Amino acid sequence: MFLRIYTGADGHSHFEDIDLPPPNLEVTSPQRASEISFRRVPPGYVADWHTAPRRQYVINLTGSWEIRVGDGTVRLLGPGDVLLAEDVTGQGHLTTTGDQPRISATIPLEG
């Protein structure tokens, strides 16, 4: 799953599903990034309401996490799911790690 989280005109975060390129294409448009970091989060960890610190991709490698946005929508992301976090203003989102440790890769985007 490719998922985007962004701040709407109402100041709340919202979800948008992102489609991959058509099947005859094998690569997306390049995006500038200069670093990557990995994070291990313990089971049951809750990150209260917060905004993304910058535009970034978060790629879930192991475990699962639940994300709640301001309009009350909740999505569950598992291994292999990709989140484009762009809600750098407004209310933000709340995240909860599932019952297993979660490991993710974060790639901040330039520009």
PDB file of N, CA and C in Angstrom:
ATOM      1  N   MET A   1       0.846  -1.167   0.000  1.00  0.00           N
ATOM      2  CA  MET A   1       0.000   0.000   0.000  1.00  0.00           C
ATOM      3  C   MET A   1       0.893   1.232   0.000  1.00  0.00           C
ATOM      4  N   PHE A   2       0.548   2.186  -0.832  1.00  0.00           N
ATOM      5  CA  PHE A   2       1.184   3.488  -0.819  1.00  0.00           C
ATOM      6  C   PHE A   2       0.126   4.464  -0.325  1.00  0.00           C
ATOM      7  N   LEU A   3       0.436   5.177   0.735  1.00  0.00           N
ATOM      8  CA  LEU A   3      -0.535   6.018   1.406  1.00  0.00           C
ATOM      9  C   LEU A   3       0.086   7.376   1.680  1.00  0.00           C
ATOM     10  N   ARG A   4      -0.691   8.433   1.485  1.00  0.00           N
ATOM     11  CA  ARG A   4      -0.236   9.798   1.774  1.00  0.00           C
ATOM     12  C   ARG A   4      -1.057  10.328   2.931  1.00  0.00           C
ATOM     13  N   ILE A   5      -0.407  11.052   3.833  1.00  0.00           N
ATOM     14  CA  ILE A   5      -1.089  11.765   4.908  1.00  0.00           C
ATOM     15  C   ILE A   5      -0.725  13.228   4.742  1.00  0.00           C
ATOM     16  N   TYR A   6      -1.736  14.106   4.752  1.00  0.00           N
ATOM     17  CA  TYR A   6      -1.493  15.518   4.477  1.00  0.00           C
ATOM     18  C   TYR A   6      -2.428  16.382   5.318  1.00  0.00           C
ATOM     19  N   THR A   7      -2.102  17.666   5.447  1.00  0.00           N
ATOM     20  CA  THR A   7      -2.940  18.605   6.164  1.00  0.00           C
ATOM     21  C   THR A   7      -3.908  19.245   5.190  1.00  0.00           C
ATOM     22  N   GLY A   8      -5.212  19.135   5.481  1.00  0.00           N
ATOM     23  CA  GLY A   8      -6.236  19.744   4.641  1.00  0.00           C
ATOM     24  C   GLY A   8      -6.461  21.198   5.006  1.00  0.00           C
ATOM     25  N   ALA A   9      -7.313  21.854   4.242  1.00  0.00           N
ATOM     26  CA  ALA A   9      -7.635  23.260   4.490  1.00  0.00           C
ATOM     27  C   ALA A   9      -8.285  23.452   5.854  1.00  0.00           C
ATOM     28  N   ASP A  10      -8.849  22.364   6.423  1.00  0.00           N
ATOM     29  CA  ASP A  10      -9.488  22.433   7.735  1.00  0.00           C
ATOM     30  C   ASP A  10      -8.497  22.334   8.889  1.00  0.00           C
ATOM     31  N   GLY A  11      -7.195  22.178   8.576  1.00  0.00           N
ATOM     32  CA  GLY A  11      -6.177  22.065   9.618  1.00  0.00           C
ATOM     33  C   GLY A  11      -6.027  20.673  10.180  1.00  0.00           C
ATOM     34  N   HIS A  12      -6.791  19.709   9.658  1.00  0.00           N
ATOM     35  CA  HIS A  12      -6.713  18.315  10.106  1.00  0.00           C
ATOM     36  C   HIS A  12      -5.954  17.478   9.086  1.00  0.00           C
ATOM     37  N   SER A  13      -5.356  16.407   9.560  1.00  0.00           N
ATOM     38  CA  SER A  13      -4.683  15.475   8.666  1.00  0.00           C
ATOM     39  C   SER A  13      -5.711  14.560   8.018  1.00  0.00           C
ATOM     40  N   HIS A  14      -5.407  14.159   6.785  1.00  0.00           N
ATOM     41  CA  HIS A  14      -6.278  13.272   6.013  1.00  0.00           C
ATOM     42  C   HIS A  14      -5.422  12.245   5.293  1.00  0.00           C
ATOM     43  N   PHE A  15      -6.043  11.127   4.879  1.00  0.00           N
ATOM     44  CA  PHE A  15      -5.367  10.093   4.098  1.00  0.00           C
ATOM     45  C   PHE A  15      -5.707  10.243   2.625  1.00  0.00           C
ATOM     46  N   GLU A  16      -4.775   9.823   1.767  1.00  0.00           N
ATOM     47  CA  GLU A  16      -5.011   9.695   0.339  1.00  0.00           C
ATOM     48  C   GLU A  16      -4.238   8.477  -0.130  1.00  0.00           C
ATOM     49  N   ASP A  17      -4.907   7.539  -0.795  1.00  0.00           N
ATOM     50  CA  ASP A  17      -4.208   6.406  -1.382  1.00  0.00           C
ATOM     51  C   ASP A  17      -3.457   6.887  -2.613  1.00  0.00           C
ATOM     52  N   ILE A  18      -2.224   6.440  -2.768  1.00  0.00           N
ATOM     53  CA  ILE A  18      -1.396   6.814  -3.913  1.00  0.00           C
ATOM     54  C   ILE A  18      -1.277   5.605  -4.814  1.00  0.00           C
ATOM     55  N   ASP A  19      -1.561   5.791  -6.100  1.00  0.00           N
ATOM     56  CA  ASP A  19      -1.434   4.702  -7.062  1.00  0.00           C
ATOM     57  C   ASP A  19       0.011   4.586  -7.525  1.00  0.00           C
ATOM     58  N   LEU A  20       0.425   3.363  -7.759  1.00  0.00           N
ATOM     59  CA  LEU A  20       1.728   3.125  -8.377  1.00  0.00           C
ATOM     60  C   LEU A  20       1.618   3.445  -9.856  1.00  0.00           C
ATOM     61  N   PRO A  21       2.750   3.595 -10.543  1.00  0.00           N
ATOM     62  CA  PRO A  21       2.690   3.844 -11.985  1.00  0.00           C
ATOM     63  C   PRO A  21       1.979   2.687 -12.692  1.00  0.00           C
ATOM     64  N   PRO A  22       1.486   2.930 -13.900  1.00  0.00           N
ATOM     65  CA  PRO A  22       0.842   1.846 -14.655  1.00  0.00           C
ATOM     66  C   PRO A  22       1.761   0.629 -14.764  1.00  0.00           C
ATOM     67  N   PRO A  23       1.177  -0.561 -14.937  1.00  0.00           N
ATOM     68  CA  PRO A  23       1.972  -1.793 -14.931  1.00  0.00           C
ATOM     69  C   PRO A  23       3.116  -1.844 -15.935  1.00  0.00           C
ATOM     70  N   ASN A  24       3.027  -1.107 -17.042  1.00  0.00           N
ATOM     71  CA  ASN A  24       4.111  -1.170 -18.018  1.00  0.00           C
ATOM     72  C   ASN A  24       5.299  -0.291 -17.626  1.00  0.00           C
ATOM     73  N   LEU A  25       5.175   0.465 -16.545  1.00  0.00           N
ATOM     74  CA  LEU A  25       6.298   1.254 -16.038  1.00  0.00           C
ATOM     75  C   LEU A  25       6.894   0.548 -14.828  1.00  0.00           C
ATOM     76  N   GLU A  26       8.191   0.702 -14.634  1.00  0.00           N
ATOM     77  CA  GLU A  26       8.829   0.011 -13.534  1.00  0.00           C
ATOM     78  C   GLU A  26       9.429   0.935 -12.498  1.00  0.00           C
ATOM     79  N   VAL A  27       9.301   2.243 -12.689  1.00  0.00           N
ATOM     80  CA  VAL A  27       9.921   3.178 -11.756  1.00  0.00           C
ATOM     81  C   VAL A  27       9.070   4.450 -11.662  1.00  0.00           C
ATOM     82  N   THR A  28       9.052   5.043 -10.480  1.00  0.00           N
ATOM     83  CA  THR A  28       8.362   6.317 -10.306  1.00  0.00           C
ATOM     84  C   THR A  28       9.310   7.448 -10.702  1.00  0.00           C
ATOM     85  N   SER A  29       8.810   8.658 -10.711  1.00  0.00           N
ATOM     86  CA  SER A  29       9.669   9.818 -10.951  1.00  0.00           C
ATOM     87  C   SER A  29      10.652   9.940  -9.798  1.00  0.00           C
ATOM     88  N   PRO A  30      11.901  10.333 -10.087  1.00  0.00           N
ATOM     89  CA  PRO A  30      12.881  10.491  -9.009  1.00  0.00           C
ATOM     90  C   PRO A  30      12.475  11.595  -8.041  1.00  0.00           C
ATOM     91  N   GLN A  31      12.811  11.411  -6.778  1.00  0.00           N
ATOM     92  CA  GLN A  31      12.590  12.418  -5.749  1.00  0.00           C
ATOM     93  C   GLN A  31      13.898  12.585  -4.993  1.00  0.00           C
ATOM     94  N   ARG A  32      14.276  13.830  -4.724  1.00  0.00           N
ATOM     95  CA  ARG A  32      15.560  14.101  -4.077  1.00  0.00           C
ATOM     96  C   ARG A  32      15.501  13.775  -2.593  1.00  0.00           C
ATOM     97  N   ALA A  33      16.454  12.978  -2.153  1.00  0.00           N
ATOM     98  CA  ALA A  33      16.625  12.620  -0.742  1.00  0.00           C
ATOM     99  C   ALA A  33      18.114  12.426  -0.500  1.00  0.00           C
ATOM    100  N   SER A  34      18.572  12.724   0.720  1.00  0.00           N
ATOM    101  CA  SER A  34      20.006  12.620   0.980  1.00  0.00           C
ATOM    102  C   SER A  34      20.350  11.714   2.154  1.00  0.00           C
ATOM    103  N   GLU A  35      19.349  11.166   2.843  1.00  0.00           N
ATOM    104  CA  GLU A  35      19.654  10.333   4.000  1.00  0.00           C
ATOM    105  C   GLU A  35      18.534   9.321   4.231  1.00  0.00           C
ATOM    106  N   ILE A  36      18.815   8.370   5.068  1.00  0.00           N
ATOM    107  CA  ILE A  36      17.836   7.380   5.487  1.00  0.00           C
ATOM    108  C   ILE A  36      18.140   7.041   6.946  1.00  0.00           C
ATOM    109  N   SER A  37      17.101   6.796   7.723  1.00  0.00           N
ATOM    110  CA  SER A  37      17.311   6.343   9.096  1.00  0.00           C
ATOM    111  C   SER A  37      16.366   5.183   9.361  1.00  0.00           C
ATOM    112  N   PHE A  38      16.741   4.351  10.316  1.00  0.00           N
ATOM    113  CA  PHE A  38      15.943   3.190  10.700  1.00  0.00           C
ATOM    114  C   PHE A  38      15.505   3.370  12.141  1.00  0.00           C
ATOM    115  N   ARG A  39      14.318   2.884  12.433  1.00  0.00           N
ATOM    116  CA  ARG A  39      13.766   3.059  13.773  1.00  0.00           C
ATOM    117  C   ARG A  39      13.111   1.769  14.232  1.00  0.00           C
ATOM    118  N   ARG A  40      13.386   1.399  15.477  1.00  0.00           N
ATOM    119  CA  ARG A  40      12.719   0.266  16.109  1.00  0.00           C
ATOM    120  C   ARG A  40      11.803   0.832  17.192  1.00  0.00           C
ATOM    121  N   VAL A  41      10.534   0.435  17.149  1.00  0.00           N
ATOM    122  CA  VAL A  41       9.541   0.928  18.097  1.00  0.00           C
ATOM    123  C   VAL A  41       8.984  -0.271  18.858  1.00  0.00           C
ATOM    124  N   PRO A  42       8.898  -0.192  20.191  1.00  0.00           N
ATOM    125  CA  PRO A  42       8.421  -1.333  20.975  1.00  0.00           C
ATOM    126  C   PRO A  42       6.918  -1.575  20.776  1.00  0.00           C
ATOM    127  N   PRO A  43       6.458  -2.789  21.045  1.00  0.00           N
ATOM    128  CA  PRO A  43       5.035  -3.104  20.944  1.00  0.00           C
ATOM    129  C   PRO A  43       4.203  -2.176  21.823  1.00  0.00           C
ATOM    130  N   GLY A  44       3.038  -1.770  21.327  1.00  0.00           N
ATOM    131  CA  GLY A  44       2.119  -0.963  22.108  1.00  0.00           C
ATOM    132  C   GLY A  44       2.496   0.493  22.274  1.00  0.00           C
ATOM    133  N   TYR A  45       3.578   0.936  21.640  1.00  0.00           N
ATOM    134  CA  TYR A  45       4.016   2.325  21.773  1.00  0.00           C
ATOM    135  C   TYR A  45       2.980   3.263  21.142  1.00  0.00           C
ATOM    136  N   VAL A  46       2.645   4.332  21.849  1.00  0.00           N
ATOM    137  CA  VAL A  46       1.700   5.329  21.345  1.00  0.00           C
ATOM    138  C   VAL A  46       2.421   6.666  21.211  1.00  0.00           C
ATOM    139  N   ALA A  47       2.380   7.237  20.016  1.00  0.00           N
ATOM    140  CA  ALA A  47       2.896   8.593  19.794  1.00  0.00           C
ATOM    141  C   ALA A  47       1.678   9.493  19.690  1.00  0.00           C
ATOM    142  N   ASP A  48       1.430  10.279  20.744  1.00  0.00           N
ATOM    143  CA  ASP A  48       0.252  11.143  20.804  1.00  0.00           C
ATOM    144  C   ASP A  48       0.237  12.085  19.595  1.00  0.00           C
ATOM    145  N   TRP A  49      -0.785  12.867  19.452  1.00  0.00           N
ATOM    146  CA  TRP A  49      -0.963  13.737  18.289  1.00  0.00           C
ATOM    147  C   TRP A  49       0.308  14.520  17.987  1.00  0.00           C
ATOM    148  N   HIS A  50       0.762  14.426  16.737  1.00  0.00           N
ATOM    149  CA  HIS A  50       1.981  15.118  16.306  1.00  0.00           C
ATOM    150  C   HIS A  50       1.926  15.306  14.789  1.00  0.00           C
ATOM    151  N   THR A  51       2.669  16.256  14.307  1.00  0.00           N
ATOM    152  CA  THR A  51       2.811  16.450  12.865  1.00  0.00           C
ATOM    153  C   THR A  51       4.104  15.790  12.406  1.00  0.00           C
ATOM    154  N   ALA A  52       4.200  15.567  11.111  1.00  0.00           N
ATOM    155  CA  ALA A  52       5.455  15.078  10.549  1.00  0.00           C
ATOM    156  C   ALA A  52       6.503  16.182  10.700  1.00  0.00           C
ATOM    157  N   PRO A  53       7.745  15.834  11.040  1.00  0.00           N
ATOM    158  CA  PRO A  53       8.774  16.864  11.228  1.00  0.00           C
ATOM    159  C   PRO A  53       9.216  17.510   9.919  1.00  0.00           C
ATOM    160  N   ARG A  54       8.903  16.853   8.793  1.00  0.00           N
ATOM    161  CA  ARG A  54       9.256  17.315   7.444  1.00  0.00           C
ATOM    162  C   ARG A  54       8.557  16.366   6.472  1.00  0.00           C
ATOM    163  N   ARG A  55       8.555  16.680   5.204  1.00  0.00           N
ATOM    164  CA  ARG A  55       8.028  15.729   4.215  1.00  0.00           C
ATOM    165  C   ARG A  55       8.957  14.522   4.195  1.00  0.00           C
ATOM    166  N   GLN A  56       8.396  13.346   4.322  1.00  0.00           N
ATOM    167  CA  GLN A  56       9.236  12.156   4.376  1.00  0.00           C
ATOM    168  C   GLN A  56       8.440  10.912   4.036  1.00  0.00           C
ATOM    169  N   TYR A  57       9.160   9.918   3.526  1.00  0.00           N
ATOM    170  CA  TYR A  57       8.595   8.594   3.343  1.00  0.00           C
ATOM    171  C   TYR A  57       8.914   7.775   4.580  1.00  0.00           C
ATOM    172  N   VAL A  58       7.949   6.994   5.040  1.00  0.00           N
ATOM    173  CA  VAL A  58       8.166   6.035   6.111  1.00  0.00           C
ATOM    174  C   VAL A  58       7.784   4.669   5.528  1.00  0.00           C
ATOM    175  N   ILE A  59       8.762   3.790   5.447  1.00  0.00           N
ATOM    176  CA  ILE A  59       8.555   2.456   4.877  1.00  0.00           C
ATOM    177  C   ILE A  59       8.547   1.463   6.022  1.00  0.00           C
ATOM    178  N   ASN A  60       7.426   0.806   6.214  1.00  0.00           N
ATOM    179  CA  ASN A  60       7.294  -0.157   7.306  1.00  0.00           C
ATOM    180  C   ASN A  60       7.960  -1.469   6.891  1.00  0.00           C
ATOM    181  N   LEU A  61       8.923  -1.926   7.673  1.00  0.00           N
ATOM    182  CA  LEU A  61       9.663  -3.139   7.344  1.00  0.00           C
ATOM    183  C   LEU A  61       9.130  -4.361   8.088  1.00  0.00           C
ATOM    184  N   THR A  62       8.893  -4.223   9.389  1.00  0.00           N
ATOM    185  CA  THR A  62       8.344  -5.327  10.183  1.00  0.00           C
ATOM    186  C   THR A  62       7.324  -4.766  11.167  1.00  0.00           C
ATOM    187  N   GLY A  63       6.422  -5.619  11.622  1.00  0.00           N
ATOM    188  CA  GLY A  63       5.413  -5.191  12.582  1.00  0.00           C
ATOM    189  C   GLY A  63       4.328  -4.370  11.902  1.00  0.00           C
ATOM    190  N   SER A  64       3.455  -3.812  12.720  1.00  0.00           N
ATOM    191  CA  SER A  64       2.363  -2.999  12.178  1.00  0.00           C
ATOM    192  C   SER A  64       2.174  -1.758  13.032  1.00  0.00           C
ATOM    193  N   TRP A  65       1.469  -0.793  12.472  1.00  0.00           N
ATOM    194  CA  TRP A  65       1.126   0.409  13.209  1.00  0.00           C
ATOM    195  C   TRP A  65      -0.189   0.950  12.696  1.00  0.00           C
ATOM    196  N   GLU A  66      -0.905   1.556  13.613  1.00  0.00           N
ATOM    197  CA  GLU A  66      -2.198   2.144  13.317  1.00  0.00           C
ATOM    198  C   GLU A  66      -2.029   3.654  13.331  1.00  0.00           C
ATOM    199  N   ILE A  67      -2.581   4.322  12.317  1.00  0.00           N
ATOM    200  CA  ILE A  67      -2.490   5.779  12.244  1.00  0.00           C
ATOM    201  C   ILE A  67      -3.909   6.341  12.244  1.00  0.00           C
ATOM    202  N   ARG A  68      -4.156   7.297  13.127  1.00  0.00           N
ATOM    203  CA  ARG A  68      -5.449   7.984  13.212  1.00  0.00           C
ATOM    204  C   ARG A  68      -5.234   9.433  12.806  1.00  0.00           C
ATOM    205  N   VAL A  69      -6.087   9.944  11.895  1.00  0.00           N
ATOM    206  CA  VAL A  69      -5.993  11.340  11.473  1.00  0.00           C
ATOM    207  C   VAL A  69      -7.155  12.129  12.059  1.00  0.00           C
ATOM    208  N   GLY A  70      -7.101  13.448  11.902  1.00  0.00           N
ATOM    209  CA  GLY A  70      -8.034  14.355  12.545  1.00  0.00           C
ATOM    210  C   GLY A  70      -9.500  14.142  12.234  1.00  0.00           C
ATOM    211  N   ASP A  71      -9.810  13.573  11.061  1.00  0.00           N
ATOM    212  CA  ASP A  71     -11.216  13.346  10.736  1.00  0.00           C
ATOM    213  C   ASP A  71     -11.735  12.038  11.325  1.00  0.00           C
ATOM    214  N   GLY A  72     -10.884  11.352  12.130  1.00  0.00           N
ATOM    215  CA  GLY A  72     -11.284  10.122  12.793  1.00  0.00           C
ATOM    216  C   GLY A  72     -10.969   8.852  12.025  1.00  0.00           C
ATOM    217  N   THR A  73     -10.498   8.973  10.794  1.00  0.00           N
ATOM    218  CA  THR A  73     -10.164   7.802   9.987  1.00  0.00           C
ATOM    219  C   THR A  73      -8.923   7.115  10.559  1.00  0.00           C
ATOM    220  N   VAL A  74      -8.962   5.785  10.579  1.00  0.00           N
ATOM    221  CA  VAL A  74      -7.848   4.985  11.081  1.00  0.00           C
ATOM    222  C   VAL A  74      -7.412   4.027   9.982  1.00  0.00           C
ATOM    223  N   ARG A  75      -6.106   3.915   9.777  1.00  0.00           N
ATOM    224  CA  ARG A  75      -5.557   2.968   8.803  1.00  0.00           C
ATOM    225  C   ARG A  75      -4.511   2.123   9.503  1.00  0.00           C
ATOM    226  N   LEU A  76      -4.440   0.845   9.132  1.00  0.00           N
ATOM    227  CA  LEU A  76      -3.451  -0.084   9.657  1.00  0.00           C
ATOM    228  C   LEU A  76      -2.422  -0.340   8.574  1.00  0.00           C
ATOM    229  N   LEU A  77      -1.153  -0.112   8.885  1.00  0.00           N
ATOM    230  CA  LEU A  77      -0.068  -0.355   7.941  1.00  0.00           C
ATOM    231  C   LEU A  77       0.775  -1.515   8.436  1.00  0.00           C
ATOM    232  N   GLY A  78       1.154  -2.387   7.521  1.00  0.00           N
ATOM    233  CA  GLY A  78       1.953  -3.554   7.851  1.00  0.00           C
ATOM    234  C   GLY A  78       3.257  -3.563   7.071  1.00  0.00           C
ATOM    235  N   PRO A  79       3.979  -4.692   7.111  1.00  0.00           N
ATOM    236  CA  PRO A  79       5.251  -4.809   6.403  1.00  0.00           C
ATOM    237  C   PRO A  79       5.089  -4.510   4.910  1.00  0.00           C
ATOM    238  N   GLY A  80       5.978  -3.672   4.398  1.00  0.00           N
ATOM    239  CA  GLY A  80       5.967  -3.324   2.984  1.00  0.00           C
ATOM    240  C   GLY A  80       5.127  -2.113   2.644  1.00  0.00           C
ATOM    241  N   ASP A  81       4.314  -1.633   3.579  1.00  0.00           N
ATOM    242  CA  ASP A  81       3.499  -0.454   3.307  1.00  0.00           C
ATOM    243  C   ASP A  81       4.357   0.807   3.380  1.00  0.00           C
ATOM    244  N   VAL A  82       4.020   1.783   2.544  1.00  0.00           N
ATOM    245  CA  VAL A  82       4.783   3.028   2.436  1.00  0.00           C
ATOM    246  C   VAL A  82       3.861   4.202   2.727  1.00  0.00           C
ATOM    247  N   LEU A  83       4.298   5.090   3.611  1.00  0.00           N
ATOM    248  CA  LEU A  83       3.553   6.292   3.951  1.00  0.00           C
ATOM    249  C   LEU A  83       4.349   7.514   3.514  1.00  0.00           C
ATOM    250  N   LEU A  84       3.712   8.413   2.770  1.00  0.00           N
ATOM    251  CA  LEU A  84       4.287   9.709   2.457  1.00  0.00           C
ATOM    252  C   LEU A  84       3.690  10.688   3.462  1.00  0.00           C
ATOM    253  N   ALA A  85       4.478  11.094   4.442  1.00  0.00           N
ATOM    254  CA  ALA A  85       4.008  11.983   5.511  1.00  0.00           C
ATOM    255  C   ALA A  85       4.242  13.427   5.092  1.00  0.00           C
ATOM    256  N   GLU A  86       3.149  14.164   4.906  1.00  0.00           N
ATOM    257  CA  GLU A  86       3.235  15.567   4.503  1.00  0.00           C
ATOM    258  C   GLU A  86       2.392  16.470   5.399  1.00  0.00           C
ATOM    259  N   ASP A  87       1.889  15.951   6.500  1.00  0.00           N
ATOM    260  CA  ASP A  87       1.080  16.786   7.405  1.00  0.00           C
ATOM    261  C   ASP A  87       1.995  17.506   8.396  1.00  0.00           C
ATOM    262  N   VAL A  88       2.737  18.474   7.874  1.00  0.00           N
ATOM    263  CA  VAL A  88       3.741  19.180   8.673  1.00  0.00           C
ATOM    264  C   VAL A  88       3.146  20.359   9.450  1.00  0.00           C
ATOM    265  N   THR A  89       1.868  20.628   9.264  1.00  0.00           N
ATOM    266  CA  THR A  89       1.171  21.675  10.003  1.00  0.00           C
ATOM    267  C   THR A  89      -0.153  21.115  10.497  1.00  0.00           C
ATOM    268  N   GLY A  90      -0.853  21.864  11.315  1.00  0.00           N
ATOM    269  CA  GLY A  90      -2.186  21.468  11.764  1.00  0.00           C
ATOM    270  C   GLY A  90      -2.155  20.513  12.941  1.00  0.00           C
ATOM    271  N   GLN A  91      -3.246  19.780  13.110  1.00  0.00           N
ATOM    272  CA  GLN A  91      -3.420  18.878  14.247  1.00  0.00           C
ATOM    273  C   GLN A  91      -2.471  17.683  14.216  1.00  0.00           C
ATOM    274  N   GLY A  92      -2.169  17.180  13.027  1.00  0.00           N
ATOM    275  CA  GLY A  92      -1.296  16.021  12.911  1.00  0.00           C
ATOM    276  C   GLY A  92      -2.050  14.711  13.001  1.00  0.00           C
ATOM    277  N   HIS A  93      -1.348  13.691  13.460  1.00  0.00           N
ATOM    278  CA  HIS A  93      -1.891  12.352  13.511  1.00  0.00           C
ATOM    279  C   HIS A  93      -1.405  11.640  14.769  1.00  0.00           C
ATOM    280  N   LEU A  94      -2.045  10.548  15.111  1.00  0.00           N
ATOM    281  CA  LEU A  94      -1.692   9.737  16.278  1.00  0.00           C
ATOM    282  C   LEU A  94      -1.308   8.353  15.775  1.00  0.00           C
ATOM    283  N   THR A  95      -0.231   7.780  16.296  1.00  0.00           N
ATOM    284  CA  THR A  95       0.188   6.450  15.865  1.00  0.00           C
ATOM    285  C   THR A  95       0.310   5.506  17.055  1.00  0.00           C
ATOM    286  N   THR A  96      -0.044   4.252  16.803  1.00  0.00           N
ATOM    287  CA  THR A  96       0.062   3.200  17.814  1.00  0.00           C
ATOM    288  C   THR A  96       0.703   1.982  17.180  1.00  0.00           C
ATOM    289  N   THR A  97       1.756   1.467  17.799  1.00  0.00           N
ATOM    290  CA  THR A  97       2.418   0.262  17.304  1.00  0.00           C
ATOM    291  C   THR A  97       1.611  -0.955  17.735  1.00  0.00           C
ATOM    292  N   GLY A  98       1.590  -1.971  16.874  1.00  0.00           N
ATOM    293  CA  GLY A  98       0.864  -3.207  17.167  1.00  0.00           C
ATOM    294  C   GLY A  98       1.511  -4.014  18.284  1.00  0.00           C
ATOM    295  N   ASP A  99       1.206  -5.308  18.327  1.00  0.00           N
ATOM    296  CA  ASP A  99       1.671  -6.157  19.428  1.00  0.00           C
ATOM    297  C   ASP A  99       3.053  -6.763  19.206  1.00  0.00           C
ATOM    298  N   GLN A 100       3.725  -6.377  18.137  1.00  0.00           N
ATOM    299  CA  GLN A 100       5.093  -6.802  17.844  1.00  0.00           C
ATOM    300  C   GLN A 100       5.956  -5.553  17.643  1.00  0.00           C
ATOM    301  N   PRO A 101       7.268  -5.650  17.875  1.00  0.00           N
ATOM    302  CA  PRO A 101       8.124  -4.497  17.584  1.00  0.00           C
ATOM    303  C   PRO A 101       7.975  -4.107  16.106  1.00  0.00           C
ATOM    304  N   ARG A 102       8.086  -2.826  15.841  1.00  0.00           N
ATOM    305  CA  ARG A 102       7.986  -2.335  14.464  1.00  0.00           C
ATOM    306  C   ARG A 102       9.314  -1.718  14.071  1.00  0.00           C
ATOM    307  N   ILE A 103       9.800  -2.083  12.901  1.00  0.00           N
ATOM    308  CA  ILE A 103      11.003  -1.475  12.347  1.00  0.00           C
ATOM    309  C   ILE A 103      10.607  -0.771  11.068  1.00  0.00           C
ATOM    310  N   SER A 104      11.076   0.478  10.930  1.00  0.00           N
ATOM    311  CA  SER A 104      10.745   1.250   9.743  1.00  0.00           C
ATOM    312  C   SER A 104      11.984   1.985   9.244  1.00  0.00           C
ATOM    313  N   ALA A 105      11.934   2.371   7.985  1.00  0.00           N
ATOM    314  CA  ALA A 105      12.955   3.212   7.365  1.00  0.00           C
ATOM    315  C   ALA A 105      12.307   4.546   7.060  1.00  0.00           C
ATOM    316  N   THR A 106      12.977   5.635   7.397  1.00  0.00           N
ATOM    317  CA  THR A 106      12.480   6.975   7.125  1.00  0.00           C
ATOM    318  C   THR A 106      13.428   7.672   6.154  1.00  0.00           C
ATOM    319  N   ILE A 107      12.835   8.235   5.104  1.00  0.00           N
ATOM    320  CA  ILE A 107      13.623   8.925   4.077  1.00  0.00           C
ATOM    321  C   ILE A 107      13.075  10.348   3.938  1.00  0.00           C
ATOM    322  N   PRO A 108      13.755  11.347   4.520  1.00  0.00           N
ATOM    323  CA  PRO A 108      13.320  12.739   4.358  1.00  0.00           C
ATOM    324  C   PRO A 108      13.495  13.176   2.908  1.00  0.00           C
ATOM    325  N   LEU A 109      12.539  13.963   2.423  1.00  0.00           N
ATOM    326  CA  LEU A 109      12.608  14.471   1.058  1.00  0.00           C
ATOM    327  C   LEU A 109      13.153  15.882   1.060  1.00  0.00           C
ATOM    328  N   GLU A 110      13.947  16.189   0.063  1.00  0.00           N
ATOM    329  CA  GLU A 110      14.501  17.532  -0.085  1.00  0.00           C
ATOM    330  C   GLU A 110      13.527  18.403  -0.859  1.00  0.00           C
ATOM    331  N   GLY A 111      13.517  19.674  -0.526  1.00  0.00           N
ATOM    332  CA  GLY A 111      12.720  20.628  -1.296  1.00  0.00           C
ATOM    333  C   GLY A 111      11.283  20.719  -0.960  1.00  0.00           C
TER     334      GLY A 111
END
